[in-house]
Protein backbone atom coordinates (compact mmCIF):
# COMPACT_ATOMS: atom_id res chain seq x y z
CA MET A 1 13.84 -21.43 -44.85
CA SER A 2 14.88 -19.91 -41.68
CA ALA A 3 12.44 -19.18 -39.08
CA PRO A 4 11.13 -15.46 -38.59
CA ALA A 5 13.02 -13.52 -36.27
CA ALA A 6 11.44 -13.12 -32.82
CA THR A 7 9.72 -9.79 -32.19
CA PRO A 8 12.05 -7.76 -30.02
CA ARG A 9 10.88 -6.92 -26.58
CA PRO A 10 10.23 -3.04 -26.22
CA LEU A 11 12.61 -2.14 -23.19
CA ALA A 12 12.09 0.37 -20.60
CA PRO A 13 14.37 3.55 -21.12
CA ALA A 14 17.63 3.65 -19.05
CA ALA A 15 16.54 6.02 -16.65
CA PHE A 16 13.99 3.70 -15.27
CA ASP A 17 16.40 2.38 -12.54
CA HIS A 18 14.74 1.21 -9.19
CA GLY A 19 18.14 1.48 -7.60
CA ASP A 20 19.09 4.89 -8.43
CA PRO A 21 18.97 7.63 -5.79
CA ALA A 22 18.03 10.18 -8.32
CA PHE A 23 15.09 8.39 -9.47
CA LEU A 24 13.91 7.48 -6.08
CA ALA A 25 14.05 10.94 -5.04
CA ASP A 26 11.55 12.15 -7.94
CA PRO A 27 10.47 9.16 -10.26
CA TYR A 28 7.80 11.20 -11.86
CA PRO A 29 9.83 12.87 -14.78
CA VAL A 30 11.17 9.43 -15.62
CA TYR A 31 7.50 8.00 -15.77
CA ALA A 32 6.90 10.60 -18.34
CA ALA A 33 9.41 9.22 -20.54
CA LEU A 34 7.99 5.85 -19.92
CA ARG A 35 4.77 6.91 -20.97
CA GLU A 36 6.25 8.38 -24.17
CA ALA A 37 8.24 5.01 -24.80
CA GLY A 38 5.13 2.74 -24.89
CA ARG A 39 2.16 1.07 -23.28
CA VAL A 40 4.34 -1.79 -21.99
CA LEU A 41 7.91 -2.04 -21.69
CA HIS A 42 10.22 -4.82 -20.36
CA TYR A 43 12.58 -4.09 -17.27
CA ALA A 44 15.40 -6.61 -17.49
CA PRO A 45 16.64 -6.05 -13.78
CA SER A 46 13.42 -7.40 -12.23
CA GLY A 47 12.09 -9.43 -15.21
CA GLN A 48 8.76 -7.50 -15.14
CA TRP A 49 6.98 -5.76 -17.98
CA LEU A 50 6.14 -2.07 -16.77
CA VAL A 51 2.81 -0.59 -17.56
CA PRO A 52 2.87 3.22 -17.14
CA HIS A 53 -0.56 4.58 -18.52
CA HIS A 54 -3.66 5.12 -16.40
CA ALA A 55 -6.13 3.51 -18.92
CA ASP A 56 -4.03 0.47 -19.14
CA VAL A 57 -3.28 0.15 -15.23
CA SER A 58 -7.03 0.74 -14.57
CA ALA A 59 -8.15 -1.98 -17.18
CA LEU A 60 -5.45 -4.54 -16.13
CA LEU A 61 -6.59 -4.37 -12.47
CA ARG A 62 -9.88 -5.73 -13.65
CA ASP A 63 -8.75 -8.30 -16.15
CA ARG A 64 -9.16 -11.79 -14.96
CA ARG A 65 -6.46 -13.03 -17.18
CA LEU A 66 -4.04 -11.62 -14.48
CA GLY A 67 -3.66 -12.83 -10.92
CA ARG A 68 -1.89 -11.73 -7.75
CA SER A 69 -1.09 -15.46 -7.53
CA TYR A 70 -1.17 -18.25 -10.08
CA GLN A 71 -0.92 -21.21 -7.48
CA HIS A 72 -4.91 -21.71 -7.77
CA ARG A 73 -4.14 -22.94 -11.15
CA TYR A 74 -0.62 -24.08 -11.85
CA THR A 75 2.24 -25.44 -9.74
CA HIS A 76 5.54 -23.30 -9.85
CA GLU A 77 6.85 -25.92 -12.23
CA GLU A 78 3.84 -25.61 -14.68
CA PHE A 79 4.01 -21.95 -14.47
CA GLY A 80 7.61 -21.79 -15.20
CA ARG A 81 8.83 -20.26 -11.80
CA THR A 82 11.28 -21.69 -9.41
CA PRO A 83 9.64 -22.35 -5.90
CA PRO A 84 10.80 -19.90 -3.16
CA PRO A 85 13.62 -21.23 -0.83
CA ARG A 86 12.38 -23.66 1.82
CA ALA A 87 14.26 -21.14 4.29
CA HIS A 88 11.71 -18.49 3.19
CA ALA A 89 8.62 -20.84 4.33
CA PRO A 90 7.62 -18.55 7.29
CA PHE A 91 7.16 -15.50 5.37
CA HIS A 92 5.31 -17.12 2.50
CA GLU A 93 3.16 -19.20 5.10
CA LEU A 94 2.01 -15.54 6.41
CA ASN A 95 1.89 -13.55 3.20
CA ASP A 96 0.70 -16.02 0.66
CA LEU A 97 -2.74 -16.97 2.27
CA GLY A 98 -3.62 -13.13 2.82
CA MET A 99 -6.61 -12.22 0.66
CA LEU A 100 -4.33 -9.76 -1.10
CA GLU A 101 -2.53 -12.78 -2.51
CA LEU A 102 -5.54 -14.76 -3.13
CA GLU A 103 -7.53 -15.28 -6.15
CA PRO A 104 -11.58 -16.56 -6.26
CA PRO A 105 -12.95 -18.50 -4.69
CA ASP A 106 -10.52 -18.34 -1.65
CA HIS A 107 -10.40 -14.35 -2.20
CA THR A 108 -14.18 -13.98 -2.27
CA ARG A 109 -14.75 -16.31 0.76
CA ILE A 110 -12.33 -14.37 3.07
CA ARG A 111 -13.02 -11.05 1.68
CA ARG A 112 -16.63 -11.35 2.35
CA LEU A 113 -15.93 -12.10 6.03
CA VAL A 114 -13.24 -9.20 6.53
CA SER A 115 -15.53 -6.56 4.82
CA HIS A 116 -18.21 -6.40 7.59
CA ALA A 117 -15.45 -4.60 9.29
CA PHE A 118 -15.04 -1.83 6.85
CA THR A 119 -18.74 -1.00 6.03
CA PRO A 120 -19.66 2.79 5.95
CA ARG A 121 -21.54 2.18 9.33
CA THR A 122 -18.44 0.58 11.03
CA VAL A 123 -16.05 3.07 9.77
CA GLU A 124 -18.38 5.88 10.70
CA ALA A 125 -18.79 4.42 14.33
CA LEU A 126 -14.85 4.87 14.56
CA ARG A 127 -15.03 8.52 13.75
CA PRO A 128 -14.89 9.77 17.20
CA TYR A 129 -11.95 7.63 18.22
CA VAL A 130 -10.20 8.42 15.28
CA THR A 131 -10.59 12.17 15.38
CA GLY A 132 -10.03 12.16 19.26
CA LEU A 133 -6.79 10.31 18.67
CA ALA A 134 -5.77 12.57 15.78
CA ARG A 135 -6.31 15.71 18.01
CA ASP A 136 -4.34 14.26 20.79
CA LEU A 137 -1.32 13.54 18.66
CA ALA A 138 -1.41 17.00 17.08
CA ASP A 139 -1.79 18.83 20.38
CA ALA A 140 1.39 16.74 21.78
CA LEU A 141 3.33 17.82 18.70
CA ALA A 142 2.35 21.21 19.14
CA GLU A 143 3.06 21.37 23.05
CA ARG A 144 6.66 19.89 22.12
CA GLY A 145 7.20 22.60 19.79
CA GLY A 146 7.66 20.13 16.76
CA GLY A 147 9.33 16.81 16.25
CA ASP A 148 9.36 14.08 13.69
CA LEU A 149 5.91 14.03 11.84
CA LEU A 150 6.62 10.34 10.98
CA THR A 151 7.13 8.98 14.41
CA ASP A 152 4.97 11.54 16.43
CA VAL A 153 1.86 11.56 14.23
CA ALA A 154 1.87 9.68 11.02
CA GLU A 155 2.66 6.09 12.51
CA PRO A 156 0.94 6.22 15.81
CA LEU A 157 -2.63 7.13 14.23
CA PRO A 158 -3.17 4.21 11.87
CA VAL A 159 -1.34 1.60 13.82
CA ALA A 160 -3.61 2.43 17.00
CA VAL A 161 -6.85 2.44 14.73
CA ILE A 162 -6.23 -0.77 13.20
CA ALA A 163 -5.00 -2.26 16.32
CA GLU A 164 -7.96 -1.25 18.09
CA LEU A 165 -10.30 -2.75 15.16
CA LEU A 166 -8.36 -6.14 15.57
CA GLY A 167 -8.15 -6.10 19.27
CA VAL A 168 -4.53 -6.00 19.58
CA PRO A 169 -3.68 -4.97 23.45
CA GLU A 170 -2.29 -1.54 23.64
CA ALA A 171 0.56 -2.92 25.29
CA ASP A 172 1.58 -5.16 22.52
CA ARG A 173 1.16 -2.35 19.66
CA PRO A 174 4.77 -1.20 19.64
CA LEU A 175 5.51 -4.77 18.19
CA LEU A 176 3.77 -4.27 15.19
CA ARG A 177 5.46 -1.49 13.45
CA PRO A 178 9.03 -3.32 13.40
CA TRP A 179 7.42 -6.65 12.13
CA SER A 180 5.63 -4.82 9.51
CA ALA A 181 8.41 -2.96 8.30
CA ALA A 182 10.42 -6.22 8.09
CA ILE A 183 8.00 -7.97 6.04
CA CYS A 184 7.04 -5.24 3.78
CA ALA A 185 10.54 -4.70 2.76
CA MET A 186 10.08 -8.07 0.94
CA TYR A 187 7.74 -6.28 -1.64
CA GLU A 188 10.45 -3.97 -2.94
CA LEU A 189 11.99 -4.97 -6.47
CA ASN A 190 14.78 -7.89 -5.88
CA PRO A 191 15.02 -7.91 -2.05
CA SER A 192 18.41 -8.92 -0.87
CA GLU A 193 18.99 -12.10 1.33
CA GLU A 194 19.62 -10.15 4.34
CA THR A 195 16.23 -8.61 3.73
CA ALA A 196 14.59 -11.80 3.22
CA ARG A 197 16.09 -13.03 6.49
CA ARG A 198 14.84 -10.12 8.49
CA ALA A 199 11.32 -10.83 7.01
CA VAL A 200 11.27 -14.43 7.69
CA ALA A 201 12.33 -13.64 11.29
CA ALA A 202 9.44 -11.28 11.76
CA SER A 203 7.01 -13.48 10.00
CA ALA A 204 7.68 -16.30 12.24
CA GLU A 205 7.26 -13.78 15.47
CA PHE A 206 4.24 -12.04 14.20
CA SER A 207 2.83 -15.59 13.36
CA ALA A 208 3.42 -17.01 16.88
CA TYR A 209 1.92 -13.75 18.40
CA LEU A 210 -1.10 -13.96 16.32
CA ARG A 211 -1.89 -17.72 16.99
CA ALA A 212 -1.50 -16.88 20.73
CA LEU A 213 -4.07 -13.86 20.31
CA ILE A 214 -6.51 -16.04 18.28
CA ALA A 215 -6.15 -18.81 21.03
CA ASP A 216 -7.06 -16.08 23.63
CA ARG A 217 -10.04 -14.73 21.70
CA ALA A 218 -11.34 -18.33 21.24
CA ARG A 219 -11.33 -18.45 25.10
CA ARG A 220 -12.32 -14.92 25.75
CA PRO A 221 -14.26 -13.46 22.69
CA GLY A 222 -14.41 -9.56 22.46
CA ASP A 223 -15.90 -7.12 20.28
CA ASP A 224 -13.03 -7.12 17.80
CA LEU A 225 -12.34 -8.46 14.42
CA VAL A 226 -10.14 -11.30 15.49
CA SER A 227 -13.07 -12.57 17.73
CA ALA A 228 -15.56 -12.31 14.80
CA LEU A 229 -13.09 -14.24 12.75
CA VAL A 230 -12.77 -16.94 15.39
CA ALA A 231 -16.36 -17.09 15.70
CA ALA A 232 -17.00 -17.54 12.02
CA ARG A 233 -14.66 -20.52 12.00
CA GLU A 234 -16.41 -22.17 15.00
CA ALA A 235 -19.82 -21.32 13.32
CA GLY A 236 -18.87 -23.39 10.38
CA ASP A 237 -17.27 -20.96 7.80
CA ARG A 238 -14.44 -22.53 5.87
CA LEU A 239 -11.67 -20.68 7.89
CA SER A 240 -8.45 -22.23 9.01
CA GLU A 241 -6.14 -20.79 11.52
CA ALA A 242 -3.56 -20.37 9.04
CA GLU A 243 -5.84 -17.97 7.00
CA ILE A 244 -7.00 -15.98 10.21
CA VAL A 245 -3.31 -15.57 10.81
CA ALA A 246 -2.54 -14.19 7.40
CA THR A 247 -5.70 -12.20 7.36
CA CYS A 248 -4.78 -10.42 10.49
CA ALA A 249 -1.21 -9.87 9.46
CA LEU A 250 -2.30 -8.45 6.04
CA LEU A 251 -4.68 -6.11 7.95
CA LEU A 252 -2.25 -4.77 10.56
CA ASN A 253 0.24 -4.30 7.61
CA ALA A 254 -1.95 -3.05 4.92
CA GLY A 255 -3.78 -0.88 7.54
CA HIS A 256 -0.96 1.34 8.44
CA GLU A 257 1.86 1.04 6.01
CA ALA A 258 0.37 2.89 2.94
CA THR A 259 -1.57 5.38 5.39
CA VAL A 260 1.74 6.33 7.15
CA GLY A 261 3.15 6.78 3.65
CA ALA A 262 0.26 8.98 2.29
CA THR A 263 0.50 11.14 5.62
CA VAL A 264 4.16 11.90 5.30
CA ASN A 265 4.40 12.22 1.55
CA GLY A 266 1.10 14.48 1.59
CA TRP A 267 2.65 16.66 4.29
CA HIS A 268 5.94 16.99 2.45
CA ALA A 269 4.18 17.91 -0.68
CA LEU A 270 2.17 20.70 1.23
CA LEU A 271 5.22 22.05 3.06
CA THR A 272 7.06 22.36 -0.04
CA HIS A 273 3.95 23.97 -1.93
CA PRO A 274 3.50 26.95 0.39
CA ASP A 275 0.64 28.42 -2.08
CA GLN A 276 -1.40 25.38 -1.59
CA LEU A 277 -0.93 25.06 1.82
CA ALA A 278 -1.90 28.77 2.51
CA ALA A 279 -5.08 27.73 0.55
CA LEU A 280 -5.77 25.01 2.59
CA ARG A 281 -5.14 26.82 5.88
CA ALA A 282 -7.56 29.53 4.44
CA ASP A 283 -10.35 26.99 3.87
CA HIS A 284 -10.43 23.60 5.65
CA GLY A 285 -13.44 22.71 3.74
CA LEU A 286 -10.83 21.57 1.11
CA VAL A 287 -9.56 18.76 3.37
CA PRO A 288 -11.48 15.83 1.60
CA THR A 289 -10.53 16.82 -1.92
CA ALA A 290 -6.90 17.69 -0.70
CA VAL A 291 -6.57 14.19 0.56
CA GLU A 292 -7.34 12.85 -2.87
CA GLU A 293 -5.04 15.14 -4.56
CA LEU A 294 -2.19 14.08 -2.08
CA LEU A 295 -2.70 10.43 -2.66
CA ARG A 296 -2.45 10.99 -6.52
CA TYR A 297 0.38 13.52 -6.31
CA ASP A 298 2.81 11.42 -4.28
CA THR A 299 1.55 7.82 -4.41
CA PRO A 300 2.50 5.85 -1.28
CA LEU A 301 2.21 2.41 -3.33
CA GLN A 302 4.22 2.97 -6.59
CA LEU A 303 3.72 -0.43 -7.99
CA PHE A 304 1.31 -3.26 -7.98
CA GLU A 305 2.13 -6.66 -9.54
CA ARG A 306 0.05 -9.04 -11.50
CA TRP A 307 1.00 -12.53 -13.05
CA VAL A 308 -0.06 -13.41 -16.34
CA LEU A 309 -2.18 -16.31 -16.16
CA ASP A 310 -3.23 -16.45 -19.82
CA ASP A 311 -1.42 -14.98 -22.73
CA ILE A 312 -2.40 -11.20 -23.29
CA GLU A 313 -1.67 -8.68 -25.75
CA ILE A 314 -0.97 -5.02 -24.97
CA ASP A 315 -0.37 -2.58 -27.82
CA GLY A 316 0.58 -5.27 -30.28
CA VAL A 317 2.93 -6.85 -27.71
CA THR A 318 2.08 -10.47 -26.87
CA ILE A 319 3.06 -11.26 -23.13
CA PRO A 320 2.92 -14.95 -22.38
CA ARG A 321 1.64 -16.88 -19.43
CA GLY A 322 4.28 -16.99 -16.72
CA GLU A 323 5.35 -13.23 -17.01
CA GLU A 324 4.68 -10.59 -14.60
CA LEU A 325 3.37 -7.26 -14.97
CA ALA A 326 4.17 -4.21 -12.86
CA LEU A 327 1.47 -1.78 -12.78
CA LEU A 328 2.94 1.53 -12.06
CA PHE A 329 0.31 3.46 -10.07
CA GLY A 330 2.54 6.56 -9.54
CA SER A 331 2.83 6.86 -13.16
CA ALA A 332 -0.82 6.23 -13.89
CA ASN A 333 -1.44 8.95 -11.11
CA HIS A 334 0.57 11.52 -13.32
CA ASP A 335 -0.92 10.53 -16.73
CA PRO A 336 -1.96 13.70 -18.57
CA ALA A 337 -4.47 11.75 -20.41
CA VAL A 338 -6.40 11.91 -17.25
CA PHE A 339 -5.06 14.74 -15.27
CA ALA A 340 -4.36 18.15 -16.60
CA GLU A 341 -0.85 19.37 -15.63
CA PRO A 342 -0.16 16.37 -13.43
CA HIS A 343 3.06 17.78 -12.35
CA ARG A 344 1.15 20.56 -10.31
CA LEU A 345 -0.10 20.01 -6.90
CA ASP A 346 -3.89 21.28 -7.13
CA LEU A 347 -5.87 20.68 -3.88
CA THR A 348 -8.98 21.81 -5.82
CA ARG A 349 -8.50 19.39 -8.55
CA PRO A 350 -12.01 17.95 -9.29
CA ALA A 351 -12.96 14.12 -9.44
CA VAL A 352 -9.53 12.76 -8.86
CA PRO A 353 -9.74 9.17 -10.41
CA HIS A 354 -6.42 8.07 -8.86
CA VAL A 355 -5.74 4.43 -8.35
CA SER A 356 -3.87 4.54 -5.05
CA PHE A 357 -6.30 2.27 -3.63
CA SER A 358 -5.99 -0.23 -6.74
CA ALA A 359 -9.35 -1.38 -8.36
CA GLY A 360 -11.25 -4.61 -9.24
CA ILE A 361 -11.48 -7.40 -6.75
CA HIS A 362 -8.36 -6.32 -4.96
CA TYR A 363 -9.38 -2.64 -4.29
CA CYS A 364 -8.27 -1.90 -0.89
CA VAL A 365 -11.13 -2.92 1.60
CA GLY A 366 -9.90 -0.63 4.20
CA ALA A 367 -10.06 2.51 1.79
CA PRO A 368 -12.75 4.14 3.71
CA LEU A 369 -10.92 3.87 7.04
CA ALA A 370 -7.77 5.15 5.45
CA ARG A 371 -9.69 8.19 4.10
CA LEU A 372 -10.93 8.68 7.57
CA GLU A 373 -7.53 8.63 9.13
CA LEU A 374 -5.99 10.86 6.41
CA THR A 375 -8.92 13.59 6.76
CA ALA A 376 -8.85 13.25 10.68
CA SER A 377 -5.02 13.65 10.71
CA LEU A 378 -4.79 16.50 8.13
CA ALA A 379 -7.56 18.53 9.87
CA ALA A 380 -6.27 18.17 13.40
CA LEU A 381 -2.82 19.33 12.32
CA LEU A 382 -4.23 22.21 10.50
CA ASP A 383 -6.17 23.29 13.44
CA ARG A 384 -3.77 22.54 16.50
CA ALA A 385 -0.38 23.31 14.67
CA PRO A 386 -1.57 26.08 12.16
CA SER A 387 1.99 27.20 11.58
CA LEU A 388 3.73 23.84 11.00
CA HIS A 389 6.77 24.10 8.84
CA LEU A 390 9.75 22.19 7.81
CA ALA A 391 12.47 22.30 10.58
CA GLY A 392 15.28 20.35 9.02
CA GLU A 393 16.11 17.92 6.06
CA ALA A 394 13.39 15.53 5.18
CA ARG A 395 14.89 12.03 4.37
CA ARG A 396 13.58 9.75 2.06
CA ARG A 397 13.45 5.96 2.68
CA PRO A 398 15.82 4.21 -0.28
CA ASN A 399 12.59 2.34 -1.49
CA PHE A 400 10.62 2.23 -4.70
CA VAL A 401 7.55 0.33 -4.33
CA MET A 402 6.60 1.69 -0.83
CA ARG A 403 7.43 5.30 -1.34
CA GLY A 404 7.73 7.30 1.85
CA PHE A 405 10.21 9.05 4.33
CA ALA A 406 12.66 7.90 7.20
CA GLU A 407 12.12 11.25 8.85
CA LEU A 408 10.25 14.39 8.40
CA PRO A 409 11.36 17.04 11.08
CA VAL A 410 8.97 19.91 11.53
CA GLY A 411 8.55 22.89 13.85
CA VAL A 412 5.32 24.52 15.09
């Protein structure tokens, strides 16, 4: 008797193509087709399973059968995966010890130490600094008569804030954005060898810089997070220098990359929806709900990957250990099962349960700070540049995972 035929894998529609410029310009109609096609769909170009529905994304972010890493339970060989090339070691040494890539108990241990820097009280204490800087940047943009919203406002604010929190000297802060951009390019699907080469070089330079900063804080502690982590290690906490380096790099990268994307994506949405921008200009009290809707409407982090540590079943499809899920935040945030008329920007939309900050144990530890930065920046530009408008072509970056713009020219 012949063996039963294997169940065919449900495949993603051909329109889902992470390298197609038309898809990158506007992925949301394709997400609608994905949701219609099924709850889990295999995407051969990246070897991943796409999960497009809000309910599934939300549940799987909390499912302990999945993990950001598998090396706490399996070797590469046991998991059926090829180890990364030795030449990529500087990137993985920096990236893989960051708490975003860790699972309990290491994740729990490091997050406990870091979370003290992002308590409501700590974030509230940063409010005068954040709002003052946001106003200064908006004033400078207005005095120049406009500029590039990305480089003039969206980047400087979160970079300065996270650097201030960690204790990076002001003179060194211009180093951070290029390092971060090179490293974060590795999070795109199927990065090229040239992308990997740049990420490895940036990782080596960033690691060396952070080791020097840690050594300096050990000699001359200050009122910053790096000093606090060094003090915790010296007080007996199980925290290696490599873990401190990786933690600082993660916070510096994650602490501004998504916020930059959210700021520019959000302003592009407002500037191309004049009715909503007019409503916001008429009522600045809408700013907090506007921030949540803008995070939903054009999500800066489109995809979050999870490894299958134990076989799982989704909608009758068994996904075995060793496979990888791609949880599509952008699609989940446009799911009509949760959001009425999801294609419509509505700054008065009540209770926006978006997944832009993830969920479960990997919920963004810096979400309160990101919200403060986004509300401060939005309010400052509404106040200081009340006639802000597009002044040229807005160019998107050719990225899928980290969605954003290369340039957003504006006039005032």
